Structure formats: C-alpha cells, structure tokens
N, C-alpha and C. Protein backbone atom coordinates (compact mmCIF):
# COMPACT_ATOMS: atom_id res chain seq x y z
N MET A 1 -5.58 -29.96 16.00
CA MET A 1 -6.41 -28.77 15.81
C MET A 1 -5.62 -27.52 16.23
N THR A 2 -5.74 -26.47 15.46
CA THR A 2 -5.00 -25.26 15.77
C THR A 2 -5.87 -24.31 16.60
N SER A 3 -5.21 -23.56 17.44
CA SER A 3 -5.92 -22.63 18.30
C SER A 3 -6.32 -21.38 17.51
N PRO A 4 -7.33 -20.66 18.02
CA PRO A 4 -7.74 -19.41 17.34
C PRO A 4 -6.61 -18.39 17.25
N LYS A 5 -5.78 -18.31 18.31
CA LYS A 5 -4.65 -17.36 18.28
C LYS A 5 -3.66 -17.72 17.17
N ARG A 6 -3.39 -19.01 17.03
CA ARG A 6 -2.47 -19.46 15.97
C ARG A 6 -3.04 -19.14 14.59
N MET A 7 -4.32 -19.32 14.43
CA MET A 7 -4.97 -19.01 13.15
C MET A 7 -4.91 -17.51 12.85
N LYS A 8 -5.10 -16.69 13.88
CA LYS A 8 -4.97 -15.24 13.71
C LYS A 8 -3.57 -14.87 13.25
N LEU A 9 -2.57 -15.49 13.88
CA LEU A 9 -1.17 -15.23 13.51
C LEU A 9 -0.89 -15.64 12.07
N ILE A 10 -1.36 -16.81 11.69
CA ILE A 10 -1.15 -17.30 10.32
C ILE A 10 -1.80 -16.35 9.32
N PHE A 11 -3.03 -15.95 9.60
CA PHE A 11 -3.74 -15.04 8.70
C PHE A 11 -3.03 -13.68 8.64
N ALA A 12 -2.62 -13.16 9.80
CA ALA A 12 -1.98 -11.83 9.85
C ALA A 12 -0.68 -11.82 9.06
N TRP A 13 0.17 -12.83 9.26
CA TRP A 13 1.45 -12.86 8.55
C TRP A 13 1.26 -13.20 7.07
N SER A 14 0.21 -13.95 6.75
CA SER A 14 -0.11 -14.22 5.34
C SER A 14 -0.52 -12.94 4.63
N ALA A 15 -1.25 -12.08 5.34
CA ALA A 15 -1.64 -10.78 4.76
C ALA A 15 -0.41 -9.92 4.48
N VAL A 16 0.55 -9.92 5.40
CA VAL A 16 1.80 -9.17 5.19
C VAL A 16 2.50 -9.71 3.93
N GLY A 17 2.60 -11.02 3.85
CA GLY A 17 3.25 -11.64 2.68
C GLY A 17 2.53 -11.32 1.39
N ALA A 18 1.20 -11.35 1.41
CA ALA A 18 0.41 -11.07 0.20
C ALA A 18 0.62 -9.63 -0.27
N VAL A 19 0.65 -8.68 0.66
CA VAL A 19 0.87 -7.28 0.28
C VAL A 19 2.29 -7.10 -0.25
N ALA A 20 3.26 -7.76 0.37
CA ALA A 20 4.65 -7.67 -0.10
C ALA A 20 4.78 -8.23 -1.52
N VAL A 21 4.10 -9.34 -1.79
CA VAL A 21 4.13 -9.92 -3.14
C VAL A 21 3.46 -8.98 -4.13
N LEU A 22 2.36 -8.36 -3.74
CA LEU A 22 1.66 -7.41 -4.61
C LEU A 22 2.57 -6.22 -4.95
N ILE A 23 3.26 -5.71 -3.95
CA ILE A 23 4.20 -4.61 -4.19
C ILE A 23 5.30 -5.05 -5.15
N PHE A 24 5.84 -6.23 -4.93
CA PHE A 24 6.90 -6.75 -5.80
C PHE A 24 6.38 -6.89 -7.24
N PHE A 25 5.14 -7.37 -7.38
CA PHE A 25 4.54 -7.52 -8.71
C PHE A 25 4.46 -6.17 -9.42
N PHE A 26 3.95 -5.15 -8.73
CA PHE A 26 3.83 -3.83 -9.36
C PHE A 26 5.20 -3.24 -9.66
N SER A 27 6.16 -3.47 -8.80
CA SER A 27 7.52 -2.95 -9.02
C SER A 27 8.24 -3.66 -10.15
N SER A 28 7.80 -4.86 -10.48
CA SER A 28 8.43 -5.63 -11.56
C SER A 28 7.93 -5.20 -12.94
N GLN A 29 6.90 -4.38 -12.98
CA GLN A 29 6.39 -3.92 -14.27
C GLN A 29 7.37 -2.93 -14.88
N THR A 30 7.55 -3.02 -16.19
CA THR A 30 8.39 -2.05 -16.88
C THR A 30 7.70 -0.68 -16.81
N ALA A 31 8.45 0.35 -17.16
CA ALA A 31 7.88 1.70 -17.13
C ALA A 31 6.64 1.79 -18.02
N GLN A 32 6.70 1.15 -19.18
CA GLN A 32 5.57 1.19 -20.12
C GLN A 32 4.34 0.48 -19.52
N GLU A 33 4.56 -0.69 -18.93
CA GLU A 33 3.44 -1.43 -18.32
C GLU A 33 2.84 -0.64 -17.15
N SER A 34 3.69 -0.03 -16.36
CA SER A 34 3.23 0.76 -15.22
C SER A 34 2.41 1.97 -15.69
N THR A 35 2.88 2.60 -16.77
CA THR A 35 2.14 3.74 -17.33
C THR A 35 0.77 3.30 -17.83
N GLN A 36 0.72 2.15 -18.48
CA GLN A 36 -0.57 1.63 -18.97
C GLN A 36 -1.55 1.39 -17.82
N VAL A 37 -1.05 0.86 -16.71
CA VAL A 37 -1.91 0.62 -15.55
C VAL A 37 -2.45 1.93 -14.99
N SER A 38 -1.56 2.90 -14.76
CA SER A 38 -2.01 4.16 -14.17
C SER A 38 -2.91 4.93 -15.13
N HIS A 39 -2.58 4.95 -16.42
CA HIS A 39 -3.44 5.63 -17.39
C HIS A 39 -4.79 4.92 -17.52
N GLY A 40 -4.78 3.59 -17.45
CA GLY A 40 -6.03 2.84 -17.51
C GLY A 40 -6.95 3.19 -16.35
N LEU A 41 -6.38 3.34 -15.17
CA LEU A 41 -7.17 3.73 -14.00
C LEU A 41 -7.73 5.14 -14.16
N ILE A 42 -6.88 6.05 -14.60
CA ILE A 42 -7.31 7.44 -14.81
C ILE A 42 -8.42 7.49 -15.85
N GLU A 43 -8.26 6.74 -16.93
CA GLU A 43 -9.28 6.72 -17.99
C GLU A 43 -10.61 6.20 -17.46
N ARG A 44 -10.58 5.12 -16.67
CA ARG A 44 -11.83 4.58 -16.12
C ARG A 44 -12.53 5.60 -15.22
N ILE A 45 -11.74 6.28 -14.39
CA ILE A 45 -12.33 7.29 -13.50
C ILE A 45 -12.90 8.43 -14.32
N TYR A 46 -12.16 8.88 -15.34
CA TYR A 46 -12.63 9.98 -16.18
C TYR A 46 -13.91 9.60 -16.95
N LEU A 47 -13.94 8.39 -17.49
CA LEU A 47 -15.13 7.94 -18.21
C LEU A 47 -16.33 7.83 -17.27
N TRP A 48 -16.10 7.35 -16.06
CA TRP A 48 -17.18 7.27 -15.08
C TRP A 48 -17.68 8.68 -14.75
N TYR A 49 -16.75 9.61 -14.54
CA TYR A 49 -17.08 10.98 -14.20
C TYR A 49 -17.87 11.66 -15.31
N THR A 50 -17.43 11.51 -16.56
CA THR A 50 -18.15 12.15 -17.67
C THR A 50 -19.52 11.53 -17.88
N SER A 51 -19.64 10.22 -17.70
CA SER A 51 -20.96 9.60 -17.85
C SER A 51 -21.89 10.01 -16.72
N LEU A 52 -21.34 10.22 -15.53
CA LEU A 52 -22.13 10.67 -14.39
C LEU A 52 -22.69 12.06 -14.64
N LEU A 53 -21.89 12.93 -15.26
CA LEU A 53 -22.32 14.30 -15.56
C LEU A 53 -23.04 14.41 -16.89
N GLY A 54 -23.03 13.32 -17.67
CA GLY A 54 -23.68 13.35 -18.97
C GLY A 54 -22.91 14.14 -20.01
N ARG A 55 -21.61 14.28 -19.82
CA ARG A 55 -20.76 14.99 -20.78
C ARG A 55 -20.15 14.00 -21.74
N PRO A 56 -20.00 14.39 -22.99
CA PRO A 56 -19.30 13.50 -23.93
C PRO A 56 -17.81 13.47 -23.59
N CYS A 57 -17.20 12.37 -23.92
CA CYS A 57 -15.78 12.18 -23.64
C CYS A 57 -14.99 12.29 -24.94
N ALA A 58 -14.15 13.31 -25.03
CA ALA A 58 -13.31 13.48 -26.21
C ALA A 58 -11.97 12.80 -25.96
N SER A 59 -11.46 12.09 -26.98
CA SER A 59 -10.21 11.35 -26.79
C SER A 59 -9.04 12.28 -26.48
N GLY A 60 -9.03 13.48 -27.03
CA GLY A 60 -7.98 14.45 -26.72
C GLY A 60 -8.01 14.84 -25.26
N ASP A 61 -9.22 15.00 -24.71
CA ASP A 61 -9.35 15.31 -23.29
C ASP A 61 -8.80 14.18 -22.44
N LEU A 62 -9.11 12.97 -22.85
CA LEU A 62 -8.69 11.79 -22.10
C LEU A 62 -7.17 11.70 -22.03
N LEU A 63 -6.50 11.93 -23.14
CA LEU A 63 -5.03 11.87 -23.15
C LEU A 63 -4.41 12.98 -22.31
N ARG A 64 -4.97 14.18 -22.42
CA ARG A 64 -4.47 15.32 -21.64
C ARG A 64 -4.66 15.08 -20.14
N ILE A 65 -5.83 14.58 -19.76
CA ILE A 65 -6.12 14.34 -18.35
C ILE A 65 -5.24 13.21 -17.80
N ALA A 66 -5.06 12.15 -18.58
CA ALA A 66 -4.22 11.04 -18.13
C ALA A 66 -2.79 11.52 -17.91
N ALA A 67 -2.27 12.34 -18.80
CA ALA A 67 -0.91 12.86 -18.66
C ALA A 67 -0.80 13.77 -17.44
N PHE A 68 -1.85 14.58 -17.20
CA PHE A 68 -1.83 15.53 -16.08
C PHE A 68 -1.85 14.80 -14.73
N TRP A 69 -2.71 13.80 -14.59
CA TRP A 69 -2.92 13.12 -13.31
C TRP A 69 -1.96 11.95 -13.07
N ASP A 70 -1.17 11.57 -14.05
CA ASP A 70 -0.32 10.40 -13.94
C ASP A 70 0.59 10.43 -12.71
N HIS A 71 1.32 11.51 -12.52
CA HIS A 71 2.26 11.61 -11.40
C HIS A 71 1.53 11.47 -10.06
N PHE A 72 0.42 12.16 -9.91
CA PHE A 72 -0.36 12.11 -8.67
C PHE A 72 -0.86 10.69 -8.39
N VAL A 73 -1.38 10.03 -9.40
CA VAL A 73 -1.91 8.67 -9.23
C VAL A 73 -0.78 7.71 -8.83
N ARG A 74 0.37 7.85 -9.44
CA ARG A 74 1.50 6.97 -9.11
C ARG A 74 1.94 7.17 -7.65
N LYS A 75 2.04 8.42 -7.23
CA LYS A 75 2.48 8.70 -5.86
C LYS A 75 1.42 8.25 -4.86
N LEU A 76 0.16 8.43 -5.20
CA LEU A 76 -0.93 7.96 -4.34
C LEU A 76 -0.91 6.44 -4.23
N ALA A 77 -0.58 5.77 -5.32
CA ALA A 77 -0.48 4.31 -5.30
C ALA A 77 0.65 3.86 -4.38
N HIS A 78 1.80 4.54 -4.47
CA HIS A 78 2.92 4.23 -3.57
C HIS A 78 2.48 4.35 -2.12
N PHE A 79 1.92 5.50 -1.79
CA PHE A 79 1.51 5.77 -0.41
C PHE A 79 0.48 4.76 0.07
N SER A 80 -0.52 4.48 -0.76
CA SER A 80 -1.62 3.60 -0.37
C SER A 80 -1.19 2.16 -0.14
N ILE A 81 -0.40 1.61 -1.04
CA ILE A 81 -0.01 0.21 -0.90
C ILE A 81 0.91 0.04 0.30
N TYR A 82 1.74 1.04 0.58
CA TYR A 82 2.60 0.95 1.76
C TYR A 82 1.82 1.23 3.04
N ALA A 83 0.75 2.01 2.96
CA ALA A 83 -0.13 2.17 4.13
C ALA A 83 -0.78 0.83 4.46
N LEU A 84 -1.18 0.10 3.43
CA LEU A 84 -1.74 -1.23 3.64
C LEU A 84 -0.68 -2.16 4.25
N LEU A 85 0.56 -2.08 3.77
CA LEU A 85 1.63 -2.88 4.33
C LEU A 85 1.85 -2.52 5.80
N GLY A 86 1.85 -1.24 6.12
CA GLY A 86 2.03 -0.80 7.51
C GLY A 86 0.92 -1.31 8.41
N LEU A 87 -0.31 -1.25 7.92
CA LEU A 87 -1.46 -1.75 8.68
C LEU A 87 -1.33 -3.25 8.93
N CYS A 88 -0.98 -3.99 7.89
CA CYS A 88 -0.83 -5.45 8.03
C CYS A 88 0.34 -5.81 8.95
N CYS A 89 1.46 -5.09 8.83
CA CYS A 89 2.62 -5.35 9.70
C CYS A 89 2.26 -5.05 11.15
N ALA A 90 1.58 -3.93 11.39
CA ALA A 90 1.20 -3.58 12.76
C ALA A 90 0.30 -4.65 13.35
N ASN A 91 -0.62 -5.16 12.57
CA ASN A 91 -1.51 -6.22 13.05
C ASN A 91 -0.70 -7.47 13.37
N ALA A 92 0.16 -7.89 12.44
CA ALA A 92 0.93 -9.12 12.64
C ALA A 92 1.89 -9.00 13.83
N PHE A 93 2.62 -7.89 13.91
CA PHE A 93 3.55 -7.73 15.02
C PHE A 93 2.82 -7.59 16.36
N SER A 94 1.66 -6.94 16.36
CA SER A 94 0.92 -6.78 17.62
C SER A 94 0.40 -8.12 18.13
N LEU A 95 0.12 -9.04 17.22
CA LEU A 95 -0.31 -10.37 17.63
C LEU A 95 0.87 -11.24 18.05
N THR A 96 2.06 -10.92 17.55
CA THR A 96 3.25 -11.71 17.80
C THR A 96 4.00 -11.28 19.06
N LEU A 97 4.07 -9.98 19.29
CA LEU A 97 4.86 -9.44 20.40
C LEU A 97 3.97 -8.99 21.55
N PRO A 98 4.47 -9.07 22.77
CA PRO A 98 3.65 -8.70 23.93
C PRO A 98 3.51 -7.18 24.12
N ARG A 99 4.45 -6.41 23.58
CA ARG A 99 4.41 -4.95 23.79
C ARG A 99 4.07 -4.23 22.50
N LEU A 100 3.01 -3.41 22.55
CA LEU A 100 2.55 -2.71 21.35
C LEU A 100 3.57 -1.72 20.82
N LYS A 101 4.24 -1.00 21.71
CA LYS A 101 5.22 0.00 21.25
C LYS A 101 6.30 -0.67 20.40
N LYS A 102 6.80 -1.79 20.86
CA LYS A 102 7.82 -2.54 20.12
C LYS A 102 7.24 -3.04 18.79
N ALA A 103 6.00 -3.48 18.83
CA ALA A 103 5.34 -3.97 17.61
C ALA A 103 5.24 -2.86 16.57
N PHE A 104 4.90 -1.67 17.01
CA PHE A 104 4.74 -0.56 16.07
C PHE A 104 6.09 -0.09 15.52
N VAL A 105 7.11 -0.07 16.36
CA VAL A 105 8.46 0.31 15.90
C VAL A 105 8.97 -0.71 14.88
N LEU A 106 8.82 -1.99 15.19
CA LEU A 106 9.27 -3.03 14.26
C LEU A 106 8.46 -3.00 12.96
N SER A 107 7.19 -2.68 13.06
CA SER A 107 6.35 -2.57 11.86
C SER A 107 6.88 -1.46 10.95
N PHE A 108 7.22 -0.33 11.55
CA PHE A 108 7.74 0.78 10.76
C PHE A 108 9.09 0.42 10.14
N LEU A 109 9.95 -0.18 10.93
CA LEU A 109 11.28 -0.55 10.41
C LEU A 109 11.16 -1.59 9.29
N ALA A 110 10.32 -2.59 9.48
CA ALA A 110 10.15 -3.64 8.46
C ALA A 110 9.56 -3.06 7.17
N GLY A 111 8.52 -2.23 7.31
CA GLY A 111 7.89 -1.63 6.13
C GLY A 111 8.83 -0.69 5.40
N SER A 112 9.57 0.11 6.15
CA SER A 112 10.51 1.06 5.53
C SER A 112 11.68 0.33 4.87
N LEU A 113 12.16 -0.74 5.51
CA LEU A 113 13.23 -1.54 4.91
C LEU A 113 12.74 -2.19 3.61
N TYR A 114 11.50 -2.63 3.61
CA TYR A 114 10.95 -3.21 2.38
C TYR A 114 10.86 -2.15 1.28
N ALA A 115 10.53 -0.91 1.67
CA ALA A 115 10.48 0.18 0.69
C ALA A 115 11.84 0.42 0.06
N VAL A 116 12.89 0.36 0.87
CA VAL A 116 14.25 0.55 0.36
C VAL A 116 14.60 -0.57 -0.62
N THR A 117 14.34 -1.82 -0.22
CA THR A 117 14.67 -2.94 -1.11
C THR A 117 13.82 -2.91 -2.39
N ASP A 118 12.59 -2.42 -2.27
CA ASP A 118 11.72 -2.30 -3.44
C ASP A 118 12.26 -1.28 -4.43
N GLU A 119 12.74 -0.16 -3.93
CA GLU A 119 13.31 0.86 -4.82
C GLU A 119 14.60 0.35 -5.47
N ILE A 120 15.41 -0.38 -4.73
CA ILE A 120 16.62 -0.97 -5.31
C ILE A 120 16.23 -1.96 -6.41
N HIS A 121 15.21 -2.76 -6.14
CA HIS A 121 14.70 -3.71 -7.14
C HIS A 121 14.27 -2.99 -8.42
N GLN A 122 13.60 -1.84 -8.27
CA GLN A 122 13.12 -1.10 -9.45
C GLN A 122 14.28 -0.59 -10.31
N ARG A 123 15.41 -0.41 -9.72
CA ARG A 123 16.59 0.05 -10.47
C ARG A 123 16.96 -0.92 -11.59
N PHE A 124 16.61 -2.19 -11.40
CA PHE A 124 16.95 -3.23 -12.37
C PHE A 124 15.81 -3.56 -13.33
N VAL A 125 14.71 -2.82 -13.23
CA VAL A 125 13.55 -3.03 -14.11
C VAL A 125 13.63 -2.00 -15.24
N PRO A 126 13.48 -2.43 -16.50
CA PRO A 126 13.59 -1.51 -17.63
C PRO A 126 12.68 -0.28 -17.51
N GLY A 127 13.32 0.89 -17.62
CA GLY A 127 12.58 2.15 -17.60
C GLY A 127 12.24 2.65 -16.21
N ARG A 128 12.53 1.89 -15.17
CA ARG A 128 12.23 2.29 -13.80
C ARG A 128 13.49 2.80 -13.14
N SER A 129 13.34 3.46 -11.99
CA SER A 129 14.51 4.01 -11.30
C SER A 129 14.35 3.85 -9.79
N CYS A 130 15.44 4.07 -9.11
CA CYS A 130 15.48 4.03 -7.65
C CYS A 130 15.43 5.49 -7.17
N GLN A 131 14.35 5.85 -6.47
CA GLN A 131 14.19 7.24 -6.06
C GLN A 131 14.08 7.35 -4.54
N LEU A 132 14.90 8.22 -3.98
CA LEU A 132 14.88 8.47 -2.54
C LEU A 132 13.52 9.05 -2.12
N THR A 133 12.93 9.87 -2.97
CA THR A 133 11.62 10.47 -2.63
C THR A 133 10.54 9.40 -2.52
N ASP A 134 10.62 8.37 -3.36
CA ASP A 134 9.64 7.28 -3.26
C ASP A 134 9.84 6.48 -1.98
N MET A 135 11.10 6.29 -1.58
CA MET A 135 11.37 5.59 -0.31
C MET A 135 10.75 6.36 0.85
N ALA A 136 10.91 7.68 0.83
CA ALA A 136 10.35 8.52 1.89
C ALA A 136 8.82 8.47 1.87
N LEU A 137 8.24 8.56 0.67
CA LEU A 137 6.78 8.49 0.54
C LEU A 137 6.26 7.14 1.01
N ASP A 138 6.96 6.07 0.64
CA ASP A 138 6.56 4.73 1.07
C ASP A 138 6.61 4.62 2.60
N SER A 139 7.65 5.15 3.21
CA SER A 139 7.77 5.11 4.67
C SER A 139 6.66 5.93 5.33
N CYS A 140 6.30 7.04 4.72
CA CYS A 140 5.16 7.82 5.24
C CYS A 140 3.87 6.99 5.14
N GLY A 141 3.73 6.25 4.07
CA GLY A 141 2.57 5.37 3.92
C GLY A 141 2.55 4.31 5.00
N VAL A 142 3.71 3.71 5.29
CA VAL A 142 3.82 2.70 6.35
C VAL A 142 3.40 3.32 7.68
N ALA A 143 3.92 4.50 7.98
CA ALA A 143 3.58 5.19 9.24
C ALA A 143 2.08 5.46 9.31
N PHE A 144 1.48 5.87 8.20
CA PHE A 144 0.04 6.14 8.19
C PHE A 144 -0.75 4.85 8.43
N GLY A 145 -0.31 3.75 7.82
CA GLY A 145 -0.98 2.46 8.04
C GLY A 145 -0.91 2.03 9.49
N ILE A 146 0.25 2.25 10.13
CA ILE A 146 0.40 1.92 11.55
C ILE A 146 -0.51 2.82 12.39
N PHE A 147 -0.56 4.09 12.04
CA PHE A 147 -1.44 5.03 12.74
C PHE A 147 -2.90 4.59 12.61
N LEU A 148 -3.30 4.20 11.42
CA LEU A 148 -4.66 3.69 11.20
C LEU A 148 -4.92 2.46 12.06
N PHE A 149 -3.94 1.56 12.11
CA PHE A 149 -4.09 0.37 12.94
C PHE A 149 -4.25 0.76 14.41
N CYS A 150 -3.47 1.72 14.88
CA CYS A 150 -3.57 2.18 16.27
C CYS A 150 -4.99 2.66 16.58
N ILE A 151 -5.53 3.46 15.69
CA ILE A 151 -6.89 3.96 15.89
C ILE A 151 -7.87 2.81 15.97
N LEU A 152 -7.81 1.91 14.99
CA LEU A 152 -8.72 0.77 14.97
C LEU A 152 -8.51 -0.13 16.19
N TYR A 153 -7.26 -0.36 16.54
CA TYR A 153 -6.94 -1.21 17.68
C TYR A 153 -7.58 -0.67 18.96
N PHE A 154 -7.38 0.62 19.21
CA PHE A 154 -7.90 1.19 20.45
C PHE A 154 -9.41 1.34 20.44
N ILE A 155 -10.01 1.53 19.28
CA ILE A 155 -11.48 1.56 19.20
C ILE A 155 -12.03 0.18 19.52
N PHE A 156 -11.47 -0.85 18.87
CA PHE A 156 -12.02 -2.19 19.04
C PHE A 156 -11.62 -2.87 20.34
N THR A 157 -10.44 -2.55 20.89
CA THR A 157 -10.07 -3.18 22.16
C THR A 157 -10.90 -2.59 23.30
N LYS A 158 -11.30 -1.35 23.16
CA LYS A 158 -12.18 -0.75 24.16
C LYS A 158 -13.50 -1.51 24.21
N LYS A 159 -13.95 -1.96 23.06
CA LYS A 159 -15.20 -2.69 22.97
C LYS A 159 -14.99 -4.19 23.16
N GLY A 160 -13.71 -4.62 23.23
CA GLY A 160 -13.41 -6.02 23.47
C GLY A 160 -13.31 -6.87 22.23
N ALA A 161 -13.50 -6.29 21.05
CA ALA A 161 -13.52 -7.10 19.83
C ALA A 161 -12.13 -7.55 19.39
N PHE A 162 -11.10 -6.73 19.64
CA PHE A 162 -9.74 -7.05 19.20
C PHE A 162 -8.85 -7.49 20.35
N ALA A 163 -9.40 -7.72 21.49
CA ALA A 163 -8.57 -8.01 22.66
C ALA A 163 -7.67 -9.21 22.39
N HIS A 164 -6.40 -9.01 22.67
CA HIS A 164 -5.42 -10.10 22.49
C HIS A 164 -5.49 -11.02 23.71
N GLU A 165 -5.20 -12.28 23.44
CA GLU A 165 -5.25 -13.25 24.53
C GLU A 165 -3.98 -13.24 25.34
C-alpha cells in the first residue's frame, strides 16, 4: 500500500508531465494547424459574444476579428500554459524538497529551461520559428504560475489544508 505523501508526489509529478506533453503537442503543430486552432477559438468567442448581444454575425467581420486578435490569443496561450507549468512545478518541487525557496527556484529554472527547449523544437516544425520573445514570455508565465502557487500555498497552509508532512 502506498502512503498518502507518495500518492501526492506521483500525482504532482504526473501533472507536470501532462502539461509538458500538452505543450509539446501544441508546439508540434504546423503554422497552419496552429492558426486554425487560434482562429477557431476566436471565432467561438466572437459567435458567443454576438449571440449574447443578439447581433448578426457577418463572415467578413469574423475574418477581420480573427486576424486582429490572433497575435494576442497566441501570446496569451503561451503565457497561460507556462503559468500552468510553473504552478505544477512549484507544487511538485514543494512536495519533493524540504525548503520552499529552493523548490521555487528549481521550478522557475525547470520551466524556463523547458521553454527554451520548446522554442528550439518549434524551429524544426514547418512554418514555426524559434523566438527569444516567446522564451521570455514563457518564463514570465512560469514565474506567474509559481507566484500563484505561493499565494495558494500560504492561504491553505494557514488553514492547514496544504500542510506538508
């Protein structure tokens, strides 16, 4: 029988692995596939918005709006998925290591290193490129995820819900 702490560790590191695989999956998409995903999301949001307001949706509007918001949605996706990676890494390292400061530093280093390798990987995907700005944005996302974890950690440990054994 496995202990509750061991199960927490397995779950925490599995979450890190799952997010890393998800990032790899999205980075493996060609430029055309990636554009279809981001435009599809923008279109769904726009259609929901127009139906909420009771406005008709013109296809010309839809194309113009998708083109306008594409860059923002892509950068937000980078930041968000790496924030999730940072949060998961902070959780896993905090359960693994006895000192939180070291856990948070290693979480940032691991997440940022993954961002670098991810951008290098994209260089070999048709239509994609390796961008220093994306690496920086990804690292900011990792830092934000760690910051979010810190807030949640200190809220819940005060109440005893997240207390480490």
